C-alpha atoms as a PDB file:
ATOM      1  CA  MET A   1      -0.108   5.608 -15.845  1.00  0.00           C
ATOM      2  CA  LYS A   2      -2.999   3.013 -14.486  1.00  0.00           C
ATOM      3  CA  PHE A   3      -3.677   2.291 -10.746  1.00  0.00           C
ATOM      4  CA  VAL A   4      -5.168  -0.466  -9.544  1.00  0.00           C
ATOM      5  CA  ASN A   5      -5.012  -3.648  -6.790  1.00  0.00           C
ATOM      6  CA  LEU A   6      -3.507  -5.131  -6.703  1.00  0.00           C
ATOM      7  CA  LYS A   7      -5.158  -7.892  -6.078  1.00  0.00           C
ATOM      8  CA  ASP A   8      -6.033  -7.991  -9.920  1.00  0.00           C
ATOM      9  CA  LYS A   9      -2.687  -7.296 -11.088  1.00  0.00           C
ATOM     10  CA  PRO A  10      -1.746 -11.312  -8.437  1.00  0.00           C
ATOM     11  CA  GLU A  11       1.820 -10.928 -10.580  1.00  0.00           C
ATOM     12  CA  TYR A  12       3.031  -7.838  -8.883  1.00  0.00           C
ATOM     13  CA  ILE A  13       2.401  -9.457  -4.836  1.00  0.00           C
ATOM     14  CA  ARG A  14       6.552 -10.909  -4.970  1.00  0.00           C
ATOM     15  CA  THR A  15       8.181  -7.392  -5.913  1.00  0.00           C
ATOM     16  CA  VAL A  16       5.538  -4.875  -3.210  1.00  0.00           C
ATOM     17  CA  ALA A  17       6.813  -7.714  -0.583  1.00  0.00           C
ATOM     18  CA  GLU A  18      10.065  -7.323  -1.574  1.00  0.00           C
ATOM     19  CA  TRP A  19       9.542  -3.846  -1.734  1.00  0.00           C
ATOM     20  CA  PHE A  20       8.210  -3.962   2.122  1.00  0.00           C
ATOM     21  CA  TYR A  21      10.520  -5.858   3.477  1.00  0.00           C
ATOM     22  CA  LYS A  22      13.282  -4.175   2.361  1.00  0.00           C
ATOM     23  CA  GLU A  23      11.736  -0.697   3.400  1.00  0.00           C
ATOM     24  CA  TRP A  24      10.358  -1.633   6.439  1.00  0.00           C
ATOM     25  CA  SER A  25      11.563  -5.548   7.776  1.00  0.00           C
ATOM     26  CA  HIS A  26      14.146  -3.615   9.882  1.00  0.00           C
ATOM     27  CA  LEU A  27      10.792  -3.308  12.516  1.00  0.00           C
ATOM     28  CA  ASN A  28       9.879  -7.382  12.866  1.00  0.00           C
ATOM     29  CA  PRO A  29      13.475  -8.608  11.659  1.00  0.00           C
ATOM     30  CA  THR A  30      12.013 -11.923  12.555  1.00  0.00           C
ATOM     31  CA  ARG A  31       9.508 -11.947   9.437  1.00  0.00           C
ATOM     32  CA  SER A  32      11.221 -13.801   6.294  1.00  0.00           C
ATOM     33  CA  LEU A  33      10.387 -12.311   2.692  1.00  0.00           C
ATOM     34  CA  ASP A  34       8.068 -15.250   2.345  1.00  0.00           C
ATOM     35  CA  ASP A  35       6.604 -14.183   5.319  1.00  0.00           C
ATOM     36  CA  VAL A  36       5.427 -11.143   3.781  1.00  0.00           C
ATOM     37  CA  VAL A  37       4.361 -12.580   0.774  1.00  0.00           C
ATOM     38  CA  GLN A  38       2.157 -15.099   2.631  1.00  0.00           C
ATOM     39  CA  LEU A  39       1.287 -11.752   4.283  1.00  0.00           C
ATOM     40  CA  ILE A  40       0.026  -9.476   1.296  1.00  0.00           C
ATOM     41  CA  ARG A  41      -1.718 -12.818   0.188  1.00  0.00           C
ATOM     42  CA  GLY A  42      -4.354 -12.474   3.069  1.00  0.00           C
ATOM     43  CA  THR A  43      -4.488  -8.482   3.101  1.00  0.00           C
ATOM     44  CA  LEU A  44      -5.847  -8.916  -0.121  1.00  0.00           C
ATOM     45  CA  THR A  45      -8.631 -11.238   0.704  1.00  0.00           C
ATOM     46  CA  LYS A  46      -9.565  -9.067   3.219  1.00  0.00           C
ATOM     47  CA  ASP A  47     -12.946  -5.734   3.205  1.00  0.00           C
ATOM     48  CA  THR A  48     -11.216  -3.927   5.741  1.00  0.00           C
ATOM     49  CA  GLU A  49      -7.288  -3.136   3.604  1.00  0.00           C
ATOM     50  CA  GLN A  50      -6.192  -3.077  -0.097  1.00  0.00           C
ATOM     51  CA  ILE A  51      -3.119  -2.232  -1.681  1.00  0.00           C
ATOM     52  CA  PHE A  52      -2.456  -0.597  -4.623  1.00  0.00           C
ATOM     53  CA  ILE A  53      -0.374  -0.139  -7.132  1.00  0.00           C
ATOM     54  CA  CYS A  54       0.661   1.505 -10.006  1.00  0.00           C
ATOM     55  CA  LEU A  55       2.062   1.303 -13.051  1.00  0.00           C
ATOM     56  CA  SER A  56       3.887   2.630 -16.110  1.00  0.00           C
ATOM     57  CA  LYS A  57       3.446   0.921 -19.722  1.00  0.00           C
ATOM     58  CA  ASN A  58       3.042  -2.468 -17.544  1.00  0.00           C
ATOM     59  CA  THR A  59       7.000  -1.766 -14.714  1.00  0.00           C
ATOM     60  CA  LEU A  60       5.333  -1.250 -11.286  1.00  0.00           C
ATOM     61  CA  VAL A  61       6.388   1.720  -9.878  1.00  0.00           C
ATOM     62  CA  SER A  62       4.682   2.640  -6.970  1.00  0.00           C
ATOM     63  CA  SER A  63       2.846   0.411  -4.096  1.00  0.00           C
ATOM     64  CA  VAL A  64       0.259   1.915  -1.621  1.00  0.00           C
ATOM     65  CA  SER A  65      -2.758   0.993   1.279  1.00  0.00           C
ATOM     66  CA  PHE A  66      -4.994   1.841   2.555  1.00  0.00           C
ATOM     67  CA  ARG A  67      -6.312   0.235   5.847  1.00  0.00           C
ATOM     68  CA  ALA A  68      -9.616   0.357   7.502  1.00  0.00           C
ATOM     69  CA  TYR A  69      -7.107   0.585  10.853  1.00  0.00           C
ATOM     70  CA  GLU A  70      -3.548   1.001  12.091  1.00  0.00           C
ATOM     71  CA  LEU A  71      -3.225   0.681  15.779  1.00  0.00           C
ATOM     72  CA  GLN A  72      -5.157  -1.150  17.878  1.00  0.00           C
ATOM     73  CA  HIS A  73      -7.638   0.750  20.517  1.00  0.00           C
ATOM     74  CA  LYS A  74      -7.818   3.318  17.741  1.00  0.00           C
ATOM     75  CA  GLU A  75     -11.617   2.536  16.113  1.00  0.00           C
ATOM     76  CA  LYS A  76     -12.257   5.629  16.352  1.00  0.00           C
ATOM     77  CA  TYR A  77      -9.315   6.431  13.672  1.00  0.00           C
ATOM     78  CA  THR A  78      -9.896   5.460  10.408  1.00  0.00           C
ATOM     79  CA  PRO A  79      -9.138   4.823   8.062  1.00  0.00           C
ATOM     80  CA  TRP A  80      -5.546   4.350   7.213  1.00  0.00           C
ATOM     81  CA  LEU A  81      -2.944   5.596   4.116  1.00  0.00           C
ATOM     82  CA  SER A  82      -0.222   3.091   4.475  1.00  0.00           C
ATOM     83  CA  SER A  83       2.505   1.963   3.032  1.00  0.00           C
ATOM     84  CA  LEU A  84       3.426   3.919   0.612  1.00  0.00           C
ATOM     85  CA  VAL A  85       6.250   2.556  -1.840  1.00  0.00           C
ATOM     86  CA  VAL A  86       8.078   4.158  -4.969  1.00  0.00           C
ATOM     87  CA  ASP A  87       9.696   2.181  -7.101  1.00  0.00           C
ATOM     88  CA  LYS A  88      13.982   3.740  -6.726  1.00  0.00           C
ATOM     89  CA  THR A  89      14.564   4.690  -9.738  1.00  0.00           C
ATOM     90  CA  LYS A  90      11.839   5.993 -10.641  1.00  0.00           C
ATOM     91  CA  ARG A  91      11.348   8.939  -6.856  1.00  0.00           C
ATOM     92  CA  ARG A  92      11.454  12.576  -7.530  1.00  0.00           C
ATOM     93  CA  ARG A  93       9.107  12.279 -10.474  1.00  0.00           C
ATOM     94  CA  GLY A  94       5.996  12.716  -8.816  1.00  0.00           C
ATOM     95  CA  ILE A  95       4.878   9.982  -8.354  1.00  0.00           C
ATOM     96  CA  GLY A  96       4.538   9.286  -4.624  1.00  0.00           C
ATOM     97  CA  ALA A  97       2.319  12.627  -5.046  1.00  0.00           C
ATOM     98  CA  LYS A  98      -0.041  11.342  -7.096  1.00  0.00           C
ATOM     99  CA  THR A  99       0.094   8.109  -5.503  1.00  0.00           C
ATOM    100  CA  ILE A 100      -1.123   9.042  -2.750  1.00  0.00           C
ATOM    101  CA  ASN A 101      -3.364  10.923  -4.157  1.00  0.00           C
ATOM    102  CA  PHE A 102      -5.083   8.343  -6.452  1.00  0.00           C
ATOM    103  CA  LEU A 103      -5.722   7.169  -2.657  1.00  0.00           C
ATOM    104  CA  LEU A 104      -7.122  10.051  -1.078  1.00  0.00           C
ATOM    105  CA  ILE A 105      -9.669  10.411  -3.693  1.00  0.00           C
ATOM    106  CA  THR A 106     -10.596   6.426  -3.733  1.00  0.00           C
ATOM    107  CA  VAL A 107     -11.250   7.108  -0.172  1.00  0.00           C
ATOM    108  CA  SER A 108     -13.446   9.773  -0.228  1.00  0.00           C
ATOM    109  CA  GLN A 109     -15.717   7.092  -2.478  1.00  0.00           C
ATOM    110  CA  ILE A 110     -15.381   4.176  -0.580  1.00  0.00           C
ATOM    111  CA  ALA A 111     -15.149   5.353   3.028  1.00  0.00           C
ATOM    112  CA  LEU A 112     -17.185   8.894   2.044  1.00  0.00           C
ATOM    113  CA  LYS A 113     -14.090  10.477   3.994  1.00  0.00           C
ATOM    114  CA  LYS A 114     -12.623  13.777   2.592  1.00  0.00           C
ATOM    115  CA  SER A 115      -9.742  12.366   5.178  1.00  0.00           C
ATOM    116  CA  ILE A 116      -7.249   9.434   5.961  1.00  0.00           C
ATOM    117  CA  TYR A 117      -4.779   8.981   8.197  1.00  0.00           C
ATOM    118  CA  LEU A 118      -1.341   8.572   8.321  1.00  0.00           C
ATOM    119  CA  ARG A 119       1.731   7.322  10.588  1.00  0.00           C
ATOM    120  CA  LYS A 120       5.747   7.407   9.955  1.00  0.00           C
ATOM    121  CA  THR A 121       7.945   4.951  11.169  1.00  0.00           C
END
């Protein structure tokens, strides 16, 4: 398995958007799948948020986001793990745990922090 930044593999944006839409569209029912695609494209230009994907033999198996801020007016709580998704056909194989571990190591290098916040929805 190989972890890469989604901005380096934009051909997977649509699939990640489909995953996000399927998992969380109920939180914003007026948002369309195309809206989610555009939000992800916009995210890839920001320094405050990154989306990482996990590939196994060029097949997308998981994604996870790293955000500097998740909640308004709670700037002291940073950074955040967000939007963890594992392909439904690949679940129960430890991929989610490996994805989280990758993000924790990456955050400790980027943000020089040993902890990360998580908000469950």
